[in-house]
Structure formats: structure tokens, C-alpha cells
Amino acid sequence: YELVSNSWCYVFCTLLIAVLVMFGIDLVWRIILGAFMEGNPFSISGQILLSLSGIVSIPIYSIMITIAYMHLRIEKEGMNAESLAKDLGVQGESTNGSPDGDAAWQPLILDDLGKA
């Protein structure tokens, strides 16, 4: 409750958009299959084909919900990579973004590849 306080409109609109996207994907899939399905759409094979839209829409819905949650955590709690690692129980923080903790490590800039 504390995470969504003063953000009810954002949460509601995000969920509404996510549901509308799922509904839209399902509707388009059913229209396309309905035009090409010569057999009975109420048969077992027809129902399997019609339910395949969930393979696309359910992951999109889950991603949208996760992004909304992360956005709320960042906005309310000032969450960053360190606090996320602490919440997940990851041990050993790296310095300077280095994968092995080397402070002298610098990220590779792709623009510099042609000049070397």
C-alpha cells in the first residue's frame, strides 16, 4: 500500500494499458485466425490456435508490470543497483562497474574500436 500511495492513477493507467494491449493482441490474433480457419473454431485444434496469443501477450503483460514496479521503487525509495543487489542478496559489490571489482577497469567504448 505504501508503494502506490500518491501514485494510484499511474498504477491504474499502467494496468489498464497492459490489459488493453493484451486484449488487442488477442483480438488481432483471433481476427487473423478467423479469416484463415476453415474448420470449426470450437474444435480442439481451433482452441489451441486461438490460445496461442497468450504466448505473446502474457510475457508483455508481465514485463509491463515489472517495469511499473521498478519505476515505483525508484521513485519512492530511491532504489539503485546497490539497493537492488542488497534486496536480492547478491554479495560483493563491484567498484566502478567492473565485473571483477577492479577499480582500474574501464568500459569499452565502441567508437574507439576503429581508432586503435
PDB file of N, CA and C in Angstrom:
ATOM      1  N   TYR A   1       0.819  -1.191   0.000  1.00  0.00           N
ATOM      2  CA  TYR A   1       0.000   0.000   0.000  1.00  0.00           C
ATOM      3  C   TYR A   1       0.866   1.258   0.000  1.00  0.00           C
ATOM      4  N   GLU A   2       1.962   1.240   0.767  1.00  0.00           N
ATOM      5  CA  GLU A   2       2.820   2.424   0.853  1.00  0.00           C
ATOM      6  C   GLU A   2       3.497   2.739  -0.472  1.00  0.00           C
ATOM      7  N   LEU A   3       3.795   1.706  -1.242  1.00  0.00           N
ATOM      8  CA  LEU A   3       4.496   1.916  -2.503  1.00  0.00           C
ATOM      9  C   LEU A   3       3.623   2.640  -3.524  1.00  0.00           C
ATOM     10  N   VAL A   4       2.326   2.392  -3.516  1.00  0.00           N
ATOM     11  CA  VAL A   4       1.450   3.002  -4.504  1.00  0.00           C
ATOM     12  C   VAL A   4       0.720   4.240  -4.003  1.00  0.00           C
ATOM     13  N   SER A   5       0.952   4.618  -2.742  1.00  0.00           N
ATOM     14  CA  SER A   5       0.268   5.819  -2.252  1.00  0.00           C
ATOM     15  C   SER A   5       0.732   7.023  -3.063  1.00  0.00           C
ATOM     16  N   ASN A   6      -0.194   7.879  -3.402  1.00  0.00           N
ATOM     17  CA  ASN A   6       0.014   9.056  -4.255  1.00  0.00           C
ATOM     18  C   ASN A   6       0.389   8.688  -5.680  1.00  0.00           C
ATOM     19  N   SER A   7       0.266   7.432  -6.067  1.00  0.00           N
ATOM     20  CA  SER A   7       0.538   7.003  -7.442  1.00  0.00           C
ATOM     21  C   SER A   7      -0.578   6.114  -7.967  1.00  0.00           C
ATOM     22  N   TRP A   8      -1.764   6.253  -7.414  1.00  0.00           N
ATOM     23  CA  TRP A   8      -2.861   5.377  -7.810  1.00  0.00           C
ATOM     24  C   TRP A   8      -3.211   5.534  -9.280  1.00  0.00           C
ATOM     25  N   CYS A   9      -3.176   6.750  -9.785  1.00  0.00           N
ATOM     26  CA  CYS A   9      -3.509   6.977 -11.194  1.00  0.00           C
ATOM     27  C   CYS A   9      -2.474   6.313 -12.097  1.00  0.00           C
ATOM     28  N   TYR A  10      -1.195   6.437 -11.746  1.00  0.00           N
ATOM     29  CA  TYR A  10      -0.136   5.805 -12.531  1.00  0.00           C
ATOM     30  C   TYR A  10      -0.312   4.290 -12.557  1.00  0.00           C
ATOM     31  N   VAL A  11      -0.587   3.700 -11.394  1.00  0.00           N
ATOM     32  CA  VAL A  11      -0.747   2.253 -11.309  1.00  0.00           C
ATOM     33  C   VAL A  11      -1.983   1.813 -12.083  1.00  0.00           C
ATOM     34  N   PHE A  12      -3.084   2.519 -11.901  1.00  0.00           N
ATOM     35  CA  PHE A  12      -4.317   2.163 -12.606  1.00  0.00           C
ATOM     36  C   PHE A  12      -4.143   2.275 -14.108  1.00  0.00           C
ATOM     37  N   CYS A  13      -3.559   3.383 -14.570  1.00  0.00           N
ATOM     38  CA  CYS A  13      -3.380   3.576 -16.011  1.00  0.00           C
ATOM     39  C   CYS A  13      -2.412   2.552 -16.598  1.00  0.00           C
ATOM     40  N   THR A  14      -1.366   2.210 -15.862  1.00  0.00           N
ATOM     41  CA  THR A  14      -0.427   1.201 -16.338  1.00  0.00           C
ATOM     42  C   THR A  14      -1.112  -0.153 -16.472  1.00  0.00           C
ATOM     43  N   LEU A  15      -1.881  -0.537 -15.459  1.00  0.00           N
ATOM     44  CA  LEU A  15      -2.602  -1.805 -15.537  1.00  0.00           C
ATOM     45  C   LEU A  15      -3.646  -1.796 -16.640  1.00  0.00           C
ATOM     46  N   LEU A  16      -4.324  -0.668 -16.804  1.00  0.00           N
ATOM     47  CA  LEU A  16      -5.329  -0.554 -17.859  1.00  0.00           C
ATOM     48  C   LEU A  16      -4.683  -0.687 -19.236  1.00  0.00           C
ATOM     49  N   ILE A  17      -3.568  -0.017 -19.447  1.00  0.00           N
ATOM     50  CA  ILE A  17      -2.867  -0.113 -20.729  1.00  0.00           C
ATOM     51  C   ILE A  17      -2.375  -1.543 -20.954  1.00  0.00           C
ATOM     52  N   ALA A  18      -1.869  -2.179 -19.920  1.00  0.00           N
ATOM     53  CA  ALA A  18      -1.388  -3.556 -20.058  1.00  0.00           C
ATOM     54  C   ALA A  18      -2.533  -4.495 -20.448  1.00  0.00           C
ATOM     55  N   VAL A  19      -3.675  -4.332 -19.819  1.00  0.00           N
ATOM     56  CA  VAL A  19      -4.828  -5.177 -20.155  1.00  0.00           C
ATOM     57  C   VAL A  19      -5.308  -4.875 -21.573  1.00  0.00           C
ATOM     58  N   LEU A  20      -5.328  -3.605 -21.969  1.00  0.00           N
ATOM     59  CA  LEU A  20      -5.753  -3.260 -23.330  1.00  0.00           C
ATOM     60  C   LEU A  20      -4.787  -3.809 -24.373  1.00  0.00           C
ATOM     61  N   VAL A  21      -3.487  -3.802 -24.082  1.00  0.00           N
ATOM     62  CA  VAL A  21      -2.508  -4.384 -25.006  1.00  0.00           C
ATOM     63  C   VAL A  21      -2.757  -5.883 -25.136  1.00  0.00           C
ATOM     64  N   MET A  22      -2.981  -6.557 -24.023  1.00  0.00           N
ATOM     65  CA  MET A  22      -3.276  -7.997 -24.076  1.00  0.00           C
ATOM     66  C   MET A  22      -4.550  -8.267 -24.873  1.00  0.00           C
ATOM     67  N   PHE A  23      -5.580  -7.466 -24.628  1.00  0.00           N
ATOM     68  CA  PHE A  23      -6.841  -7.628 -25.347  1.00  0.00           C
ATOM     69  C   PHE A  23      -6.650  -7.367 -26.842  1.00  0.00           C
ATOM     70  N   GLY A  24      -5.867  -6.331 -27.180  1.00  0.00           N
ATOM     71  CA  GLY A  24      -5.622  -6.003 -28.582  1.00  0.00           C
ATOM     72  C   GLY A  24      -4.870  -7.107 -29.310  1.00  0.00           C
ATOM     73  N   ILE A  25      -3.850  -7.657 -28.672  1.00  0.00           N
ATOM     74  CA  ILE A  25      -3.098  -8.757 -29.285  1.00  0.00           C
ATOM     75  C   ILE A  25      -4.009  -9.954 -29.500  1.00  0.00           C
ATOM     76  N   ASP A  26      -4.825 -10.258 -28.506  1.00  0.00           N
ATOM     77  CA  ASP A  26      -5.744 -11.388 -28.612  1.00  0.00           C
ATOM     78  C   ASP A  26      -6.776 -11.158 -29.707  1.00  0.00           C
ATOM     79  N   LEU A  27      -7.297  -9.947 -29.791  1.00  0.00           N
ATOM     80  CA  LEU A  27      -8.311  -9.638 -30.796  1.00  0.00           C
ATOM     81  C   LEU A  27      -7.740  -9.741 -32.208  1.00  0.00           C
ATOM     82  N   VAL A  28      -6.565  -9.155 -32.419  1.00  0.00           N
ATOM     83  CA  VAL A  28      -5.932  -9.221 -33.746  1.00  0.00           C
ATOM     84  C   VAL A  28      -5.644 -10.674 -34.115  1.00  0.00           C
ATOM     85  N   TRP A  29      -5.136 -11.455 -33.167  1.00  0.00           N
ATOM     86  CA  TRP A  29      -4.838 -12.860 -33.434  1.00  0.00           C
ATOM     87  C   TRP A  29      -6.106 -13.623 -33.803  1.00  0.00           C
ATOM     88  N   ARG A  30      -7.198 -13.367 -33.093  1.00  0.00           N
ATOM     89  CA  ARG A  30      -8.454 -14.066 -33.390  1.00  0.00           C
ATOM     90  C   ARG A  30      -9.027 -13.648 -34.739  1.00  0.00           C
ATOM     91  N   ILE A  31      -8.875 -12.390 -35.103  1.00  0.00           N
ATOM     92  CA  ILE A  31      -9.367 -11.931 -36.412  1.00  0.00           C
ATOM     93  C   ILE A  31      -8.566 -12.585 -37.534  1.00  0.00           C
ATOM     94  N   ILE A  32      -7.243 -12.621 -37.370  1.00  0.00           N
ATOM     95  CA  ILE A  32      -6.392 -13.231 -38.395  1.00  0.00           C
ATOM     96  C   ILE A  32      -6.699 -14.720 -38.524  1.00  0.00           C
ATOM     97  N   LEU A  33      -6.772 -15.419 -37.403  1.00  0.00           N
ATOM     98  CA  LEU A  33      -7.061 -16.852 -37.464  1.00  0.00           C
ATOM     99  C   LEU A  33      -8.477 -17.124 -37.943  1.00  0.00           C
ATOM    100  N   GLY A  34      -9.416 -16.269 -37.568  1.00  0.00           N
ATOM    101  CA  GLY A  34     -10.793 -16.463 -38.004  1.00  0.00           C
ATOM    102  C   GLY A  34     -10.941 -16.354 -39.505  1.00  0.00           C
ATOM    103  N   ALA A  35     -10.126 -15.491 -40.126  1.00  0.00           N
ATOM    104  CA  ALA A  35     -10.194 -15.333 -41.573  1.00  0.00           C
ATOM    105  C   ALA A  35      -9.625 -16.547 -42.301  1.00  0.00           C
ATOM    106  N   PHE A  36      -8.638 -17.196 -41.709  1.00  0.00           N
ATOM    107  CA  PHE A  36      -7.976 -18.311 -42.384  1.00  0.00           C
ATOM    108  C   PHE A  36      -8.432 -19.688 -41.893  1.00  0.00           C
ATOM    109  N   MET A  37      -9.170 -19.723 -40.800  1.00  0.00           N
ATOM    110  CA  MET A  37      -9.584 -21.012 -40.246  1.00  0.00           C
ATOM    111  C   MET A  37     -10.852 -21.472 -40.943  1.00  0.00           C
ATOM    112  N   GLU A  38     -10.712 -22.539 -41.733  1.00  0.00           N
ATOM    113  CA  GLU A  38     -11.866 -23.051 -42.472  1.00  0.00           C
ATOM    114  C   GLU A  38     -12.691 -24.013 -41.639  1.00  0.00           C
ATOM    115  N   GLY A  39     -12.025 -24.654 -40.686  1.00  0.00           N
ATOM    116  CA  GLY A  39     -12.725 -25.618 -39.841  1.00  0.00           C
ATOM    117  C   GLY A  39     -13.492 -24.929 -38.737  1.00  0.00           C
ATOM    118  N   ASN A  40     -13.940 -25.717 -37.835  1.00  0.00           N
ATOM    119  CA  ASN A  40     -14.707 -25.220 -36.706  1.00  0.00           C
ATOM    120  C   ASN A  40     -13.759 -24.590 -35.682  1.00  0.00           C
ATOM    121  N   PRO A  41     -13.915 -23.301 -35.362  1.00  0.00           N
ATOM    122  CA  PRO A  41     -13.021 -22.678 -34.384  1.00  0.00           C
ATOM    123  C   PRO A  41     -13.230 -23.217 -32.958  1.00  0.00           C
ATOM    124  N   PHE A  42     -14.330 -23.954 -32.750  1.00  0.00           N
ATOM    125  CA  PHE A  42     -14.603 -24.500 -31.429  1.00  0.00           C
ATOM    126  C   PHE A  42     -14.045 -25.907 -31.257  1.00  0.00           C
ATOM    127  N   SER A  43     -13.336 -26.395 -32.269  1.00  0.00           N
ATOM    128  CA  SER A  43     -12.695 -27.701 -32.149  1.00  0.00           C
ATOM    129  C   SER A  43     -11.467 -27.587 -31.252  1.00  0.00           C
ATOM    130  N   ILE A  44     -10.883 -28.712 -30.901  1.00  0.00           N
ATOM    131  CA  ILE A  44      -9.708 -28.704 -30.029  1.00  0.00           C
ATOM    132  C   ILE A  44      -8.548 -27.990 -30.703  1.00  0.00           C
ATOM    133  N   SER A  45      -8.314 -28.284 -31.983  1.00  0.00           N
ATOM    134  CA  SER A  45      -7.209 -27.612 -32.687  1.00  0.00           C
ATOM    135  C   SER A  45      -7.476 -26.120 -32.839  1.00  0.00           C
ATOM    136  N   GLY A  46      -8.719 -25.741 -33.051  1.00  0.00           N
ATOM    137  CA  GLY A  46      -9.063 -24.327 -33.160  1.00  0.00           C
ATOM    138  C   GLY A  46      -8.831 -23.591 -31.861  1.00  0.00           C
ATOM    139  N   GLN A  47      -9.188 -24.219 -30.750  1.00  0.00           N
ATOM    140  CA  GLN A  47      -8.977 -23.586 -29.443  1.00  0.00           C
ATOM    141  C   GLN A  47      -7.503 -23.471 -29.110  1.00  0.00           C
ATOM    142  N   ILE A  48      -6.718 -24.463 -29.505  1.00  0.00           N
ATOM    143  CA  ILE A  48      -5.268 -24.388 -29.273  1.00  0.00           C
ATOM    144  C   ILE A  48      -4.672 -23.235 -30.064  1.00  0.00           C
ATOM    145  N   LEU A  49      -5.064 -23.097 -31.328  1.00  0.00           N
ATOM    146  CA  LEU A  49      -4.545 -21.992 -32.142  1.00  0.00           C
ATOM    147  C   LEU A  49      -4.984 -20.633 -31.593  1.00  0.00           C
ATOM    148  N   LEU A  50      -6.221 -20.547 -31.140  1.00  0.00           N
ATOM    149  CA  LEU A  50      -6.708 -19.277 -30.613  1.00  0.00           C
ATOM    150  C   LEU A  50      -6.031 -18.908 -29.291  1.00  0.00           C
ATOM    151  N   SER A  51      -5.628 -19.892 -28.507  1.00  0.00           N
ATOM    152  CA  SER A  51      -4.989 -19.589 -27.226  1.00  0.00           C
ATOM    153  C   SER A  51      -3.505 -19.261 -27.363  1.00  0.00           C
ATOM    154  N   LEU A  52      -2.938 -19.393 -28.550  1.00  0.00           N
ATOM    155  CA  LEU A  52      -1.518 -19.099 -28.746  1.00  0.00           C
ATOM    156  C   LEU A  52      -1.185 -17.616 -28.587  1.00  0.00           C
ATOM    157  N   SER A  53      -2.162 -16.749 -28.632  1.00  0.00           N
ATOM    158  CA  SER A  53      -1.885 -15.325 -28.441  1.00  0.00           C
ATOM    159  C   SER A  53      -1.357 -15.058 -27.042  1.00  0.00           C
ATOM    160  N   GLY A  54      -1.670 -15.940 -26.109  1.00  0.00           N
ATOM    161  CA  GLY A  54      -1.159 -15.802 -24.750  1.00  0.00           C
ATOM    162  C   GLY A  54       0.347 -15.944 -24.672  1.00  0.00           C
ATOM    163  N   ILE A  55       0.931 -16.657 -25.632  1.00  0.00           N
ATOM    164  CA  ILE A  55       2.386 -16.809 -25.657  1.00  0.00           C
ATOM    165  C   ILE A  55       3.057 -15.450 -25.850  1.00  0.00           C
ATOM    166  N   VAL A  56       2.400 -14.549 -26.538  1.00  0.00           N
ATOM    167  CA  VAL A  56       2.943 -13.206 -26.756  1.00  0.00           C
ATOM    168  C   VAL A  56       2.444 -12.229 -25.708  1.00  0.00           C
ATOM    169  N   SER A  57       1.153 -12.264 -25.415  1.00  0.00           N
ATOM    170  CA  SER A  57       0.580 -11.218 -24.568  1.00  0.00           C
ATOM    171  C   SER A  57       0.909 -11.375 -23.085  1.00  0.00           C
ATOM    172  N   ILE A  58       1.000 -12.575 -22.578  1.00  0.00           N
ATOM    173  CA  ILE A  58       1.282 -12.752 -21.147  1.00  0.00           C
ATOM    174  C   ILE A  58       2.686 -12.280 -20.780  1.00  0.00           C
ATOM    175  N   PRO A  59       3.741 -12.603 -21.562  1.00  0.00           N
ATOM    176  CA  PRO A  59       5.057 -12.035 -21.226  1.00  0.00           C
ATOM    177  C   PRO A  59       5.095 -10.507 -21.334  1.00  0.00           C
ATOM    178  N   ILE A  60       4.396  -9.940 -22.308  1.00  0.00           N
ATOM    179  CA  ILE A  60       4.357  -8.474 -22.427  1.00  0.00           C
ATOM    180  C   ILE A  60       3.695  -7.876 -21.189  1.00  0.00           C
ATOM    181  N   TYR A  61       2.608  -8.479 -20.738  1.00  0.00           N
ATOM    182  CA  TYR A  61       1.920  -8.012 -19.531  1.00  0.00           C
ATOM    183  C   TYR A  61       2.849  -8.101 -18.322  1.00  0.00           C
ATOM    184  N   SER A  62       3.554  -9.209 -18.185  1.00  0.00           N
ATOM    185  CA  SER A  62       4.464  -9.388 -17.053  1.00  0.00           C
ATOM    186  C   SER A  62       5.600  -8.366 -17.081  1.00  0.00           C
ATOM    187  N   ILE A  63       6.123  -8.086 -18.251  1.00  0.00           N
ATOM    188  CA  ILE A  63       7.191  -7.095 -18.384  1.00  0.00           C
ATOM    189  C   ILE A  63       6.678  -5.709 -18.011  1.00  0.00           C
ATOM    190  N   MET A  64       5.475  -5.360 -18.448  1.00  0.00           N
ATOM    191  CA  MET A  64       4.918  -4.043 -18.123  1.00  0.00           C
ATOM    192  C   MET A  64       4.694  -3.894 -16.622  1.00  0.00           C
ATOM    193  N   ILE A  65       4.225  -4.934 -15.963  1.00  0.00           N
ATOM    194  CA  ILE A  65       4.002  -4.884 -14.520  1.00  0.00           C
ATOM    195  C   ILE A  65       5.330  -4.749 -13.781  1.00  0.00           C
ATOM    196  N   THR A  66       6.344  -5.486 -14.242  1.00  0.00           N
ATOM    197  CA  THR A  66       7.660  -5.405 -13.612  1.00  0.00           C
ATOM    198  C   THR A  66       8.262  -4.020 -13.770  1.00  0.00           C
ATOM    199  N   ILE A  67       8.142  -3.443 -14.954  1.00  0.00           N
ATOM    200  CA  ILE A  67       8.665  -2.091 -15.188  1.00  0.00           C
ATOM    201  C   ILE A  67       7.932  -1.078 -14.309  1.00  0.00           C
ATOM    202  N   ALA A  68       6.628  -1.220 -14.181  1.00  0.00           N
ATOM    203  CA  ALA A  68       5.874  -0.300 -13.319  1.00  0.00           C
ATOM    204  C   ALA A  68       6.318  -0.431 -11.866  1.00  0.00           C
ATOM    205  N   TYR A  69       6.547  -1.661 -11.408  1.00  0.00           N
ATOM    206  CA  TYR A  69       7.009  -1.872 -10.036  1.00  0.00           C
ATOM    207  C   TYR A  69       8.385  -1.250  -9.819  1.00  0.00           C
ATOM    208  N   MET A  70       9.306  -1.489 -10.748  1.00  0.00           N
ATOM    209  CA  MET A  70      10.658  -0.933 -10.617  1.00  0.00           C
ATOM    210  C   MET A  70      10.609   0.602 -10.647  1.00  0.00           C
ATOM    211  N   HIS A  71       9.762   1.165 -11.497  1.00  0.00           N
ATOM    212  CA  HIS A  71       9.620   2.618 -11.564  1.00  0.00           C
ATOM    213  C   HIS A  71       9.137   3.176 -10.221  1.00  0.00           C
ATOM    214  N   LEU A  72       8.149   2.517  -9.620  1.00  0.00           N
ATOM    215  CA  LEU A  72       7.649   2.974  -8.327  1.00  0.00           C
ATOM    216  C   LEU A  72       8.717   2.859  -7.245  1.00  0.00           C
ATOM    217  N   ARG A  73       9.481   1.772  -7.258  1.00  0.00           N
ATOM    218  CA  ARG A  73      10.552   1.618  -6.263  1.00  0.00           C
ATOM    219  C   ARG A  73      11.609   2.700  -6.432  1.00  0.00           C
ATOM    220  N   ILE A  74      11.981   2.997  -7.667  1.00  0.00           N
ATOM    221  CA  ILE A  74      12.984   4.036  -7.916  1.00  0.00           C
ATOM    222  C   ILE A  74      12.459   5.387  -7.457  1.00  0.00           C
ATOM    223  N   GLU A  75      11.197   5.668  -7.768  1.00  0.00           N
ATOM    224  CA  GLU A  75      10.607   6.961  -7.424  1.00  0.00           C
ATOM    225  C   GLU A  75      10.428   7.121  -5.914  1.00  0.00           C
ATOM    226  N   LYS A  76       9.928   6.096  -5.243  1.00  0.00           N
ATOM    227  CA  LYS A  76       9.606   6.212  -3.825  1.00  0.00           C
ATOM    228  C   LYS A  76      10.808   5.998  -2.918  1.00  0.00           C
ATOM    229  N   GLU A  77      11.626   5.000  -3.229  1.00  0.00           N
ATOM    230  CA  GLU A  77      12.680   4.607  -2.305  1.00  0.00           C
ATOM    231  C   GLU A  77      14.072   4.985  -2.768  1.00  0.00           C
ATOM    232  N   GLY A  78      14.180   5.579  -3.939  1.00  0.00           N
ATOM    233  CA  GLY A  78      15.499   5.914  -4.453  1.00  0.00           C
ATOM    234  C   GLY A  78      16.323   4.669  -4.736  1.00  0.00           C
ATOM    235  N   MET A  79      15.655   3.616  -5.194  1.00  0.00           N
ATOM    236  CA  MET A  79      16.343   2.358  -5.440  1.00  0.00           C
ATOM    237  C   MET A  79      17.398   2.534  -6.531  1.00  0.00           C
ATOM    238  N   ASN A  80      18.545   1.921  -6.321  1.00  0.00           N
ATOM    239  CA  ASN A  80      19.603   1.910  -7.325  1.00  0.00           C
ATOM    240  C   ASN A  80      20.161   0.498  -7.413  1.00  0.00           C
ATOM    241  N   ALA A  81      21.226   0.323  -8.155  1.00  0.00           N
ATOM    242  CA  ALA A  81      21.783  -1.020  -8.351  1.00  0.00           C
ATOM    243  C   ALA A  81      22.263  -1.629  -7.041  1.00  0.00           C
ATOM    244  N   GLU A  82      22.814  -0.808  -6.164  1.00  0.00           N
ATOM    245  CA  GLU A  82      23.315  -1.334  -4.889  1.00  0.00           C
ATOM    246  C   GLU A  82      22.184  -1.824  -4.000  1.00  0.00           C
ATOM    247  N   SER A  83      21.108  -1.053  -3.894  1.00  0.00           N
ATOM    248  CA  SER A  83      20.000  -1.486  -3.048  1.00  0.00           C
ATOM    249  C   SER A  83      19.277  -2.685  -3.654  1.00  0.00           C
ATOM    250  N   LEU A  84      19.220  -2.762  -4.983  1.00  0.00           N
ATOM    251  CA  LEU A  84      18.618  -3.919  -5.623  1.00  0.00           C
ATOM    252  C   LEU A  84      19.446  -5.164  -5.363  1.00  0.00           C
ATOM    253  N   ALA A  85      20.776  -5.040  -5.459  1.00  0.00           N
ATOM    254  CA  ALA A  85      21.654  -6.176  -5.171  1.00  0.00           C
ATOM    255  C   ALA A  85      21.500  -6.613  -3.715  1.00  0.00           C
ATOM    256  N   LYS A  86      21.349  -5.652  -2.817  1.00  0.00           N
ATOM    257  CA  LYS A  86      21.162  -5.978  -1.401  1.00  0.00           C
ATOM    258  C   LYS A  86      19.837  -6.713  -1.187  1.00  0.00           C
ATOM    259  N   ASP A  87      18.770  -6.248  -1.853  1.00  0.00           N
ATOM    260  CA  ASP A  87      17.468  -6.907  -1.738  1.00  0.00           C
ATOM    261  C   ASP A  87      17.506  -8.326  -2.290  1.00  0.00           C
ATOM    262  N   LEU A  88      18.276  -8.528  -3.354  1.00  0.00           N
ATOM    263  CA  LEU A  88      18.364  -9.848  -3.968  1.00  0.00           C
ATOM    264  C   LEU A  88      19.357 -10.755  -3.261  1.00  0.00           C
ATOM    265  N   GLY A  89      20.134 -10.200  -2.333  1.00  0.00           N
ATOM    266  CA  GLY A  89      21.082 -10.995  -1.584  1.00  0.00           C
ATOM    267  C   GLY A  89      22.375 -11.262  -2.312  1.00  0.00           C
ATOM    268  N   VAL A  90      22.733 -10.400  -3.260  1.00  0.00           N
ATOM    269  CA  VAL A  90      23.983 -10.566  -4.002  1.00  0.00           C
ATOM    270  C   VAL A  90      25.113 -10.057  -3.131  1.00  0.00           C
ATOM    271  N   GLN A  91      26.153 -10.859  -2.976  1.00  0.00           N
ATOM    272  CA  GLN A  91      27.296 -10.490  -2.147  1.00  0.00           C
ATOM    273  C   GLN A  91      28.380  -9.859  -2.999  1.00  0.00           C
ATOM    274  N   GLY A  92      29.176  -9.004  -2.400  1.00  0.00           N
ATOM    275  CA  GLY A  92      30.343  -8.427  -3.068  1.00  0.00           C
ATOM    276  C   GLY A  92      29.964  -7.421  -4.138  1.00  0.00           C
ATOM    277  N   GLU A  93      29.979  -6.169  -3.788  1.00  0.00           N
ATOM    278  CA  GLU A  93      29.672  -5.130  -4.760  1.00  0.00           C
ATOM    279  C   GLU A  93      30.924  -4.805  -5.550  1.00  0.00           C
ATOM    280  N   SER A  94      30.777  -4.620  -6.836  1.00  0.00           N
ATOM    281  CA  SER A  94      31.922  -4.254  -7.665  1.00  0.00           C
ATOM    282  C   SER A  94      32.059  -2.744  -7.685  1.00  0.00           C
ATOM    283  N   THR A  95      33.281  -2.280  -7.864  1.00  0.00           N
ATOM    284  CA  THR A  95      33.523  -0.843  -7.918  1.00  0.00           C
ATOM    285  C   THR A  95      33.695  -0.421  -9.353  1.00  0.00           C
ATOM    286  N   ASN A  96      33.209   0.761  -9.662  1.00  0.00           N
ATOM    287  CA  ASN A  96      33.374   1.355 -10.987  1.00  0.00           C
ATOM    288  C   ASN A  96      32.710   0.522 -12.084  1.00  0.00           C
ATOM    289  N   GLY A  97      31.729  -0.289 -11.749  1.00  0.00           N
ATOM    290  CA  GLY A  97      31.031  -1.088 -12.744  1.00  0.00           C
ATOM    291  C   GLY A  97      31.831  -2.274 -13.244  1.00  0.00           C
ATOM    292  N   SER A  98      32.947  -2.582 -12.616  1.00  0.00           N
ATOM    293  CA  SER A  98      33.800  -3.677 -13.061  1.00  0.00           C
ATOM    294  C   SER A  98      33.192  -5.015 -12.702  1.00  0.00           C
ATOM    295  N   PRO A  99      33.213  -5.967 -13.625  1.00  0.00           N
ATOM    296  CA  PRO A  99      32.667  -7.278 -13.308  1.00  0.00           C
ATOM    297  C   PRO A  99      33.442  -8.014 -12.218  1.00  0.00           C
ATOM    298  N   ASP A 100      34.749  -7.765 -12.104  1.00  0.00           N
ATOM    299  CA  ASP A 100      35.544  -8.482 -11.110  1.00  0.00           C
ATOM    300  C   ASP A 100      35.999  -7.592  -9.960  1.00  0.00           C
ATOM    301  N   GLY A 101      35.504  -6.370  -9.873  1.00  0.00           N
ATOM    302  CA  GLY A 101      35.834  -5.486  -8.771  1.00  0.00           C
ATOM    303  C   GLY A 101      37.102  -4.674  -8.970  1.00  0.00           C
ATOM    304  N   ASP A 102      37.698  -4.703 -10.145  1.00  0.00           N
ATOM    305  CA  ASP A 102      38.921  -3.961 -10.431  1.00  0.00           C
ATOM    306  C   ASP A 102      38.582  -2.487 -10.616  1.00  0.00           C
ATOM    307  N   ALA A 103      39.146  -1.622  -9.755  1.00  0.00           N
ATOM    308  CA  ALA A 103      38.836  -0.191  -9.808  1.00  0.00           C
ATOM    309  C   ALA A 103      39.420   0.467 -11.045  1.00  0.00           C
ATOM    310  N   ALA A 104      40.443  -0.149 -11.672  1.00  0.00           N
ATOM    311  CA  ALA A 104      41.065   0.440 -12.862  1.00  0.00           C
ATOM    312  C   ALA A 104      40.331   0.041 -14.138  1.00  0.00           C
ATOM    313  N   TRP A 105      39.331  -0.785 -14.031  1.00  0.00           N
ATOM    314  CA  TRP A 105      38.601  -1.262 -15.204  1.00  0.00           C
ATOM    315  C   TRP A 105      37.809  -0.124 -15.833  1.00  0.00           C
ATOM    316  N   GLN A 106      37.841  -0.013 -17.138  1.00  0.00           N
ATOM    317  CA  GLN A 106      37.079   0.991 -17.862  1.00  0.00           C
ATOM    318  C   GLN A 106      36.201   0.285 -18.895  1.00  0.00           C
ATOM    319  N   PRO A 107      34.969   0.726 -19.065  1.00  0.00           N
ATOM    320  CA  PRO A 107      34.109   0.085 -20.066  1.00  0.00           C
ATOM    321  C   PRO A 107      34.624   0.359 -21.473  1.00  0.00           C
ATOM    322  N   LEU A 108      34.380  -0.580 -22.375  1.00  0.00           N
ATOM    323  CA  LEU A 108      34.816  -0.456 -23.763  1.00  0.00           C
ATOM    324  C   LEU A 108      33.854   0.463 -24.499  1.00  0.00           C
ATOM    325  N   ILE A 109      34.372   1.468 -25.153  1.00  0.00           N
ATOM    326  CA  ILE A 109      33.563   2.376 -25.955  1.00  0.00           C
ATOM    327  C   ILE A 109      33.711   1.946 -27.400  1.00  0.00           C
ATOM    328  N   LEU A 110      32.596   1.621 -28.044  1.00  0.00           N
ATOM    329  CA  LEU A 110      32.641   1.064 -29.380  1.00  0.00           C
ATOM    330  C   LEU A 110      33.187   2.028 -30.424  1.00  0.00           C
ATOM    331  N   ASP A 111      33.068   3.319 -30.206  1.00  0.00           N
ATOM    332  CA  ASP A 111      33.585   4.292 -31.158  1.00  0.00           C
ATOM    333  C   ASP A 111      35.107   4.257 -31.241  1.00  0.00           C
ATOM    334  N   ASP A 112      35.766   3.827 -30.169  1.00  0.00           N
ATOM    335  CA  ASP A 112      37.204   3.790 -30.136  1.00  0.00           C
ATOM    336  C   ASP A 112      37.800   2.557 -30.795  1.00  0.00           C
ATOM    337  N   LEU A 113      36.981   1.591 -31.202  1.00  0.00           N
ATOM    338  CA  LEU A 113      37.496   0.353 -31.767  1.00  0.00           C
ATOM    339  C   LEU A 113      38.206   0.596 -33.101  1.00  0.00           C
ATOM    340  N   GLY A 114      37.671   1.442 -33.931  1.00  0.00           N
ATOM    341  CA  GLY A 114      38.263   1.709 -35.241  1.00  0.00           C
ATOM    342  C   GLY A 114      39.533   2.532 -35.166  1.00  0.00           C
ATOM    343  N   LYS A 115      39.739   3.264 -34.080  1.00  0.00           N
ATOM    344  CA  LYS A 115      40.895   4.128 -33.942  1.00  0.00           C
ATOM    345  C   LYS A 115      42.106   3.410 -33.373  1.00  0.00           C
ATOM    346  N   ALA A 116      41.897   2.259 -32.738  1.00  0.00           N
ATOM    347  CA  ALA A 116      43.008   1.546 -32.089  1.00  0.00           C
ATOM    348  C   ALA A 116      43.823   0.734 -33.066  1.00  0.00           C
TER     349      ALA A 116
END
